[in-house]
Protein backbone atom coordinates (compact mmCIF):
# COMPACT_ATOMS: atom_id res chain seq x y z
CA UNK A 1 220.93 74.31 13.61
CA UNK A 2 218.62 77.25 12.98
CA UNK A 3 217.62 79.56 15.83
CA UNK A 4 213.88 79.63 16.49
CA UNK A 5 212.05 82.53 14.86
CA UNK A 6 211.29 85.49 17.11
CA UNK A 7 207.56 85.62 17.66
CA UNK A 8 205.56 88.67 16.63
CA UNK A 9 202.69 89.25 19.07
CA UNK A 10 200.10 92.03 18.94
CA UNK A 11 197.72 92.87 21.76
CA UNK A 12 194.72 94.90 20.64
CA UNK A 13 192.67 96.66 23.32
CA UNK A 14 189.70 98.81 22.40
CA UNK A 15 189.54 102.24 24.04
CA UNK A 16 186.68 102.53 26.58
CA UNK A 17 184.83 100.05 24.39
CA UNK A 18 181.23 100.16 25.64
CA UNK A 19 181.33 103.89 26.37
CA UNK A 20 182.91 104.67 22.99
CA UNK A 21 180.16 102.76 21.19
CA UNK A 22 177.50 104.68 23.11
CA UNK A 23 179.17 108.00 22.27
CA UNK A 24 179.50 106.92 18.64
CA UNK A 25 175.82 106.02 18.38
CA UNK A 26 174.48 108.94 20.44
CA UNK A 27 176.26 112.20 19.53
CA UNK A 28 174.73 114.02 22.51
CA UNK A 29 176.93 111.86 24.79
CA UNK A 30 180.20 112.82 23.13
CA UNK A 31 182.66 114.74 25.26
CA UNK A 32 180.63 114.06 28.41
CA UNK A 33 181.46 111.85 31.41
CA UNK A 34 179.65 108.63 30.64
CA UNK A 35 179.23 105.51 32.75
CA UNK A 36 177.95 102.26 31.27
CA UNK A 37 176.43 100.17 34.03
CA UNK A 38 173.64 99.91 36.55
CA UNK A 39 172.07 103.04 38.06
CA UNK A 40 173.71 104.60 41.14
CA UNK A 41 170.40 104.45 43.03
CA UNK A 42 170.69 100.67 43.32
CA UNK A 43 173.55 98.19 43.61
CA UNK A 44 174.78 98.77 40.07
CA UNK A 45 178.35 98.26 38.94
CA UNK A 46 180.37 100.20 36.38
CA UNK A 47 180.97 98.07 33.26
CA UNK A 48 183.15 100.79 31.74
CA UNK A 49 183.49 104.56 31.73
CA UNK A 50 184.41 107.14 29.13
CA UNK A 51 187.74 108.90 29.41
CA UNK A 52 185.89 112.03 30.52
CA UNK A 53 184.60 110.08 33.55
CA UNK A 54 187.92 108.32 34.17
CA UNK A 55 189.51 111.69 34.87
CA UNK A 56 187.45 111.72 38.08
CA UNK A 57 188.67 108.26 39.11
CA UNK A 58 185.73 106.24 37.81
CA UNK A 59 186.80 102.70 36.92
CA UNK A 60 185.19 99.43 35.83
CA UNK A 61 183.90 97.09 38.58
CA UNK A 62 183.41 100.10 40.86
CA UNK A 63 179.98 100.49 42.38
CA UNK A 64 177.79 102.93 40.48
CA UNK A 65 177.10 104.72 43.75
CA UNK A 66 180.81 105.41 44.23
CA UNK A 67 181.10 106.51 40.61
CA UNK A 68 178.33 109.06 41.21
CA UNK A 69 180.17 110.35 44.28
CA UNK A 70 183.39 110.78 42.30
CA UNK A 71 181.67 112.31 39.28
CA UNK A 72 178.28 113.89 40.12
CA UNK A 73 177.83 115.03 36.50
CA UNK A 74 178.23 111.53 35.06
CA UNK A 75 175.55 110.21 32.70
CA UNK A 76 174.59 106.58 33.35
CA UNK A 77 173.36 104.27 30.58
CA UNK A 78 172.53 100.56 30.65
CA UNK A 79 174.83 98.24 28.65
CA UNK A 80 173.66 97.09 25.20
CA UNK A 81 175.55 93.83 25.03
CA UNK A 82 173.88 92.72 21.80
CA UNK A 83 175.38 95.77 20.08
CA UNK A 84 178.78 95.23 21.68
CA UNK A 85 178.83 91.60 20.55
CA UNK A 86 178.08 92.68 16.99
CA UNK A 87 181.02 95.10 17.04
CA UNK A 88 183.19 92.36 18.54
CA UNK A 89 182.29 90.06 15.64
CA UNK A 90 183.39 92.75 13.19
CA UNK A 91 186.65 93.16 15.10
CA UNK A 92 187.32 89.44 14.83
CA UNK A 93 186.77 89.62 11.06
CA UNK A 94 189.32 92.44 10.82
CA UNK A 95 191.86 90.44 12.82
CA UNK A 96 191.30 87.35 10.67
CA UNK A 97 192.45 89.24 7.57
CA UNK A 98 195.98 88.97 8.91
CA UNK A 99 196.11 85.78 11.02
CA UNK A 100 194.08 82.84 12.26
CA UNK A 101 196.04 82.79 15.53
CA UNK A 102 193.64 84.99 17.52
CA UNK A 103 193.02 84.62 21.24
CA UNK A 104 190.09 86.75 22.40
CA UNK A 105 190.28 87.80 26.04
CA UNK A 106 186.88 89.49 26.06
CA UNK A 107 184.66 91.38 23.64
CA UNK A 108 187.16 94.22 23.35
CA UNK A 109 190.65 92.76 23.47
CA UNK A 110 192.66 89.97 21.91
CA UNK A 111 196.13 88.62 21.26
CA UNK A 112 197.25 88.04 17.68
CA UNK A 113 200.28 86.01 16.60
CA UNK A 114 201.45 87.47 13.26
CA UNK A 115 204.81 85.72 13.10
CA UNK A 116 203.58 84.42 9.74
CA UNK A 117 200.83 86.75 8.57
CA UNK A 118 198.39 85.89 5.80
CA UNK A 119 199.27 88.85 3.60
CA UNK A 120 203.04 88.47 3.81
CA UNK A 121 203.46 91.94 5.28
CA UNK A 122 206.20 90.86 7.66
CA UNK A 123 206.11 93.87 9.98
CA UNK A 124 203.97 93.39 13.09
CA UNK A 125 204.05 97.16 13.63
CA UNK A 126 202.65 97.72 10.14
CA UNK A 127 199.93 95.10 10.72
CA UNK A 128 198.94 96.69 14.02
CA UNK A 129 198.61 100.09 12.32
CA UNK A 130 196.50 98.61 9.53
CA UNK A 131 194.20 97.00 12.09
CA UNK A 132 193.85 100.29 13.96
CA UNK A 133 193.07 102.08 10.67
CA UNK A 134 190.42 99.51 9.75
CA UNK A 135 188.78 99.83 13.17
CA UNK A 136 188.67 103.61 12.76
CA UNK A 137 187.38 103.52 9.16
CA UNK A 138 184.87 100.68 9.46
CA UNK A 139 183.68 100.94 13.06
CA UNK A 140 184.42 104.61 13.82
CA UNK A 141 186.16 103.57 17.04
CA UNK A 142 189.74 103.64 18.29
CA UNK A 143 191.96 100.90 19.63
CA UNK A 144 195.36 100.79 21.28
CA UNK A 145 197.93 98.21 20.27
CA UNK A 146 201.05 96.77 21.85
CA UNK A 147 203.63 94.91 19.79
CA UNK A 148 206.39 92.70 21.14
CA UNK A 149 207.82 89.18 21.11
CA UNK A 150 205.58 87.77 23.86
CA UNK A 151 202.10 88.17 25.28
CA UNK A 152 202.97 89.77 28.59
CA UNK A 153 205.03 92.62 27.15
CA UNK A 154 202.59 93.20 24.28
CA UNK A 155 199.72 93.58 26.75
CA UNK A 156 201.64 96.03 28.91
CA UNK A 157 202.68 97.97 25.80
CA UNK A 158 199.07 98.38 24.61
CA UNK A 159 198.27 100.32 27.78
CA UNK A 160 201.19 102.74 27.55
CA UNK A 161 199.78 105.35 25.15
CA UNK A 162 196.03 105.03 25.56
CA UNK A 163 193.81 106.07 23.93
CA UNK A 164 194.58 105.37 20.25
CA UNK A 165 198.15 104.31 21.01
CA UNK A 166 200.65 102.06 19.26
CA UNK A 167 203.70 100.95 21.23
CA UNK A 168 206.48 98.62 20.12
CA UNK A 169 208.89 97.06 22.60
CA UNK A 170 211.56 95.09 20.80
CA UNK A 171 213.79 92.32 22.17
CA UNK A 172 216.69 94.65 22.99
CA UNK A 173 214.45 96.86 25.15
CA UNK A 174 212.47 94.22 27.04
CA UNK A 175 214.74 93.59 30.01
CA UNK A 176 215.25 97.30 30.73
CA UNK A 177 211.53 97.86 30.28
CA UNK A 178 210.70 95.14 32.77
CA UNK A 179 213.20 96.47 35.30
CA UNK A 180 211.52 99.88 35.24
CA UNK A 181 207.98 98.49 35.44
CA UNK A 182 206.12 99.16 38.73
CA UNK A 183 205.26 95.92 40.52
CA UNK A 184 201.51 96.62 40.37
CA UNK A 185 201.71 96.32 36.56
CA UNK A 186 202.85 92.70 36.73
CA UNK A 187 200.31 89.99 35.91
CA UNK A 188 199.17 88.32 39.11
CA UNK A 189 199.97 91.31 41.31
CA UNK A 190 196.76 92.59 42.82
CA UNK A 191 196.28 95.22 45.47
CA UNK A 192 197.21 92.98 48.39
CA UNK A 193 200.29 91.48 46.72
CA UNK A 194 201.46 94.93 45.60
CA UNK A 195 201.20 96.20 49.18
CA UNK A 196 203.14 93.17 50.44
CA UNK A 197 205.84 93.74 47.84
CA UNK A 198 206.19 97.41 48.68
CA UNK A 199 206.39 96.61 52.38
CA UNK A 200 209.33 94.38 51.45
CA UNK A 201 210.97 97.24 49.56
CA UNK A 202 210.01 95.81 46.16
CA UNK A 203 208.72 98.66 44.02
CA UNK A 204 209.90 97.84 40.48
CA UNK A 205 210.92 94.93 38.34
CA UNK A 206 214.54 95.73 39.13
CA UNK A 207 213.78 95.14 42.82
CA UNK A 208 212.12 91.80 42.06
CA UNK A 209 215.10 90.83 39.95
CA UNK A 210 217.36 90.96 42.99
CA UNK A 211 215.54 87.99 44.53
CA UNK A 212 216.27 84.40 43.62
CA UNK A 213 213.52 82.16 42.26
CA UNK A 214 213.48 80.29 45.57
CA UNK A 215 213.01 83.54 47.49
CA UNK A 216 210.15 84.63 45.23
CA UNK A 217 208.43 81.26 45.67
CA UNK A 218 208.94 81.48 49.42
CA UNK A 219 207.19 84.84 49.60
CA UNK A 220 204.59 84.54 46.81
CA UNK A 221 204.02 80.83 46.24
CA UNK A 222 204.08 79.28 42.78
CA UNK A 223 203.38 82.68 41.19
CA UNK A 224 206.91 83.57 42.28
CA UNK A 225 208.25 81.36 39.48
CA UNK A 226 206.29 83.40 36.97
CA UNK A 227 207.64 86.65 38.46
CA UNK A 228 211.18 85.31 38.19
CA UNK A 229 210.76 84.56 34.48
CA UNK A 230 208.74 87.56 33.42
CA UNK A 231 210.97 90.15 35.06
CA UNK A 232 213.64 88.83 32.70
CA UNK A 233 211.28 89.24 29.76
CA UNK A 234 210.60 85.52 29.37
CA UNK A 235 207.05 84.48 28.50
CA UNK A 236 206.63 81.35 26.41
CA UNK A 237 202.83 81.28 26.52
CA UNK A 238 201.42 80.82 23.04
CA UNK A 239 198.45 82.58 21.48
CA UNK A 240 195.64 80.03 21.85
CA UNK A 241 192.80 80.43 19.32
CA UNK A 242 190.71 77.75 21.01
CA UNK A 243 191.42 78.75 24.57
CA UNK A 244 188.58 77.61 26.79
CA UNK A 245 187.53 79.72 29.73
CA UNK A 246 187.28 77.64 32.90
CA UNK A 247 185.64 80.10 35.28
CA UNK A 248 184.57 83.70 35.71
CA UNK A 249 184.66 85.36 39.09
CA UNK A 250 185.48 88.31 41.29
CA UNK A 251 186.87 88.65 44.77
CA UNK A 252 187.79 91.41 47.16
CA UNK A 253 190.18 91.70 50.09
CA UNK A 254 188.91 94.12 52.70
CA UNK A 255 190.86 96.91 54.34
CA UNK A 256 189.33 95.78 57.64
CA UNK A 257 188.26 92.20 58.36
CA UNK A 258 184.51 91.68 58.35
CA UNK A 259 182.81 90.36 61.48
CA UNK A 260 179.15 91.33 60.91
CA UNK A 261 177.17 89.12 58.54
CA UNK A 262 175.15 92.05 57.13
CA UNK A 263 178.42 93.64 55.99
CA UNK A 264 179.28 90.37 54.28
CA UNK A 265 175.95 90.40 52.46
CA UNK A 266 176.67 93.90 51.14
CA UNK A 267 180.02 92.75 49.77
CA UNK A 268 178.50 89.62 48.24
CA UNK A 269 175.85 91.68 46.48
CA UNK A 270 178.54 93.84 44.92
CA UNK A 271 180.58 90.79 43.87
CA UNK A 272 177.48 89.14 42.41
CA UNK A 273 176.86 92.19 40.24
CA UNK A 274 180.47 92.25 39.02
CA UNK A 275 180.38 88.54 38.14
CA UNK A 276 177.00 88.98 36.44
CA UNK A 277 178.41 91.71 34.18
CA UNK A 278 181.48 89.64 33.35
CA UNK A 279 179.38 86.61 32.48
CA UNK A 280 176.89 88.62 30.48
CA UNK A 281 179.47 90.33 28.30
CA UNK A 282 180.90 86.91 27.44
CA UNK A 283 177.41 85.42 27.00
CA UNK A 284 178.15 82.65 29.49
CA UNK A 285 175.99 80.71 31.91
CA UNK A 286 177.56 78.36 34.42
CA UNK A 287 176.12 75.43 36.29
CA UNK A 288 178.38 75.73 39.34
CA UNK A 289 178.57 78.71 41.71
CA UNK A 290 181.46 78.81 44.17
CA UNK A 291 181.95 80.97 47.25
CA UNK A 292 185.51 81.63 48.40
CA UNK A 293 186.24 82.69 51.97
CA UNK A 294 189.58 83.67 53.46
CA UNK A 295 189.65 84.25 57.20
CA UNK A 296 191.78 86.71 59.15
CA UNK A 297 194.22 83.89 59.95
CA UNK A 298 194.61 83.28 56.17
CA UNK A 299 192.82 79.94 56.28
CA UNK A 300 190.86 79.59 53.05
CA UNK A 301 187.80 77.53 52.19
CA UNK A 302 185.45 77.20 49.22
CA UNK A 303 181.87 76.02 49.04
CA UNK A 304 179.97 75.26 45.81
CA UNK A 305 176.47 74.60 44.57
CA UNK A 306 175.63 73.13 41.16
CA UNK A 307 172.50 73.39 39.03
CA UNK A 308 170.97 71.38 36.21
CA UNK A 309 170.84 74.54 34.05
CA UNK A 310 173.34 77.36 33.69
CA UNK A 311 172.86 80.61 35.60
CA UNK A 312 174.25 84.13 35.25
CA UNK A 313 171.59 86.32 36.91
CA UNK A 314 172.79 88.63 39.66
CA UNK A 315 169.94 87.69 41.99
CA UNK A 316 170.72 83.98 41.68
CA UNK A 317 174.43 84.48 42.24
CA UNK A 318 173.80 86.66 45.28
CA UNK A 319 171.23 84.30 46.80
CA UNK A 320 173.41 81.23 46.33
CA UNK A 321 176.47 83.00 47.75
CA UNK A 322 174.51 84.05 50.84
CA UNK A 323 173.19 80.53 51.32
CA UNK A 324 176.68 79.09 51.07
CA UNK A 325 177.96 81.69 53.52
CA UNK A 326 175.18 80.91 55.99
CA UNK A 327 175.97 77.19 55.81
CA UNK A 328 179.56 77.80 56.93
CA UNK A 329 180.40 77.60 60.61
CA UNK A 330 182.21 80.92 60.95
CA UNK A 331 183.06 80.29 64.61
CA UNK A 332 183.23 84.03 65.17
CA UNK A 333 186.15 84.22 62.76
CA UNK A 334 186.66 87.51 60.97
CA UNK A 335 186.73 87.41 57.16
CA UNK A 336 189.39 89.24 55.13
CA UNK A 337 188.35 88.10 51.62
CA UNK A 338 185.19 87.01 49.83
CA UNK A 339 184.89 85.81 46.27
CA UNK A 340 182.24 84.46 43.91
CA UNK A 341 183.01 82.44 40.80
CA UNK A 342 180.99 80.56 38.21
CA UNK A 343 182.18 77.54 36.24
CA UNK A 344 180.92 74.52 34.28
CA UNK A 345 179.83 76.59 31.31
CA UNK A 346 177.49 76.50 28.38
CA UNK A 347 176.76 79.47 26.17
CA UNK A 348 173.63 81.48 26.87
CA UNK A 349 172.55 81.58 23.21
CA UNK A 350 174.55 78.89 21.43
CA UNK A 351 172.74 79.34 18.13
CA UNK A 352 173.97 82.91 17.66
CA UNK A 353 177.31 82.69 15.80
CA UNK A 354 178.39 86.15 16.98
CA UNK A 355 178.34 84.92 20.56
CA UNK A 356 181.05 82.40 19.84
CA UNK A 357 183.51 85.28 19.69
CA UNK A 358 182.91 86.17 23.29
CA UNK A 359 184.38 82.95 24.69
CA UNK A 360 187.92 82.98 26.04
């Protein structure tokens, strides 16, 4: 009996994609702190920021107002999603020179399975370098790549030497690598879960590895099973070229529970802007808007509203979320989490072939 072939997975992640395109196209922006997103005078949200702005702590999904506070010298520009989609289409063409097993995650990142590559190169590391070279030569942009035997490790690896990095983590290194990985780097570990883990004395993969699968499930629900497998370097998820996105959303857990409805409206407006940006960059419109509420006692509810036509406008998302919130009997309960998501999709411009690349 032959042993199954070791998979060769590449994760490509463009470096500060939107901001890098703006700096490429407008030389006067090069070397300056740049924020792509809505203006700080309103309720804008950061879509991405240049590395010069990131040094000040500016991050995507942050409010533009906070970005301005962190980096007063930042230059703000509106996103040009039509341009970004065109670049994304070119990226997909570069990827397809080596494999048809391509799973886009967004306009600027994708998984590639090159276990059997089209050109018979054999080395995933060599393929990743050729892709990076083509992106530099043809698009005048840089990308970072992670190479490993599964998706999870490849994605983590692509972030290790940004920008313009190339990191390979082979089978013999994976378990040690996972043991040294901070818990906040694990898929599924957000801010709240990371805090819970650290309060339990779990700071690294090695700490998680000390717990049994049953203990992880007890503390973290069904995601605990994933933690148990991944900390041992096991990830059998396949690269899915036709992966269909089910929903797009955003949520936030608050440092202090919210009790005043006006404060809830402020948070919903921010979430609506984040979801709008995420939908727009994927060229998606959804016919169902869902509000998620988690109370201080951890009870969770969702409320939805559906439409005959797809929506992705910030104003619509915000208005619907507020209406759904107002229809809930809060019974003076404090709220610790709010979320907005959109599902039941159709593409915004289905006749534009470039837009097909933006779907998950």
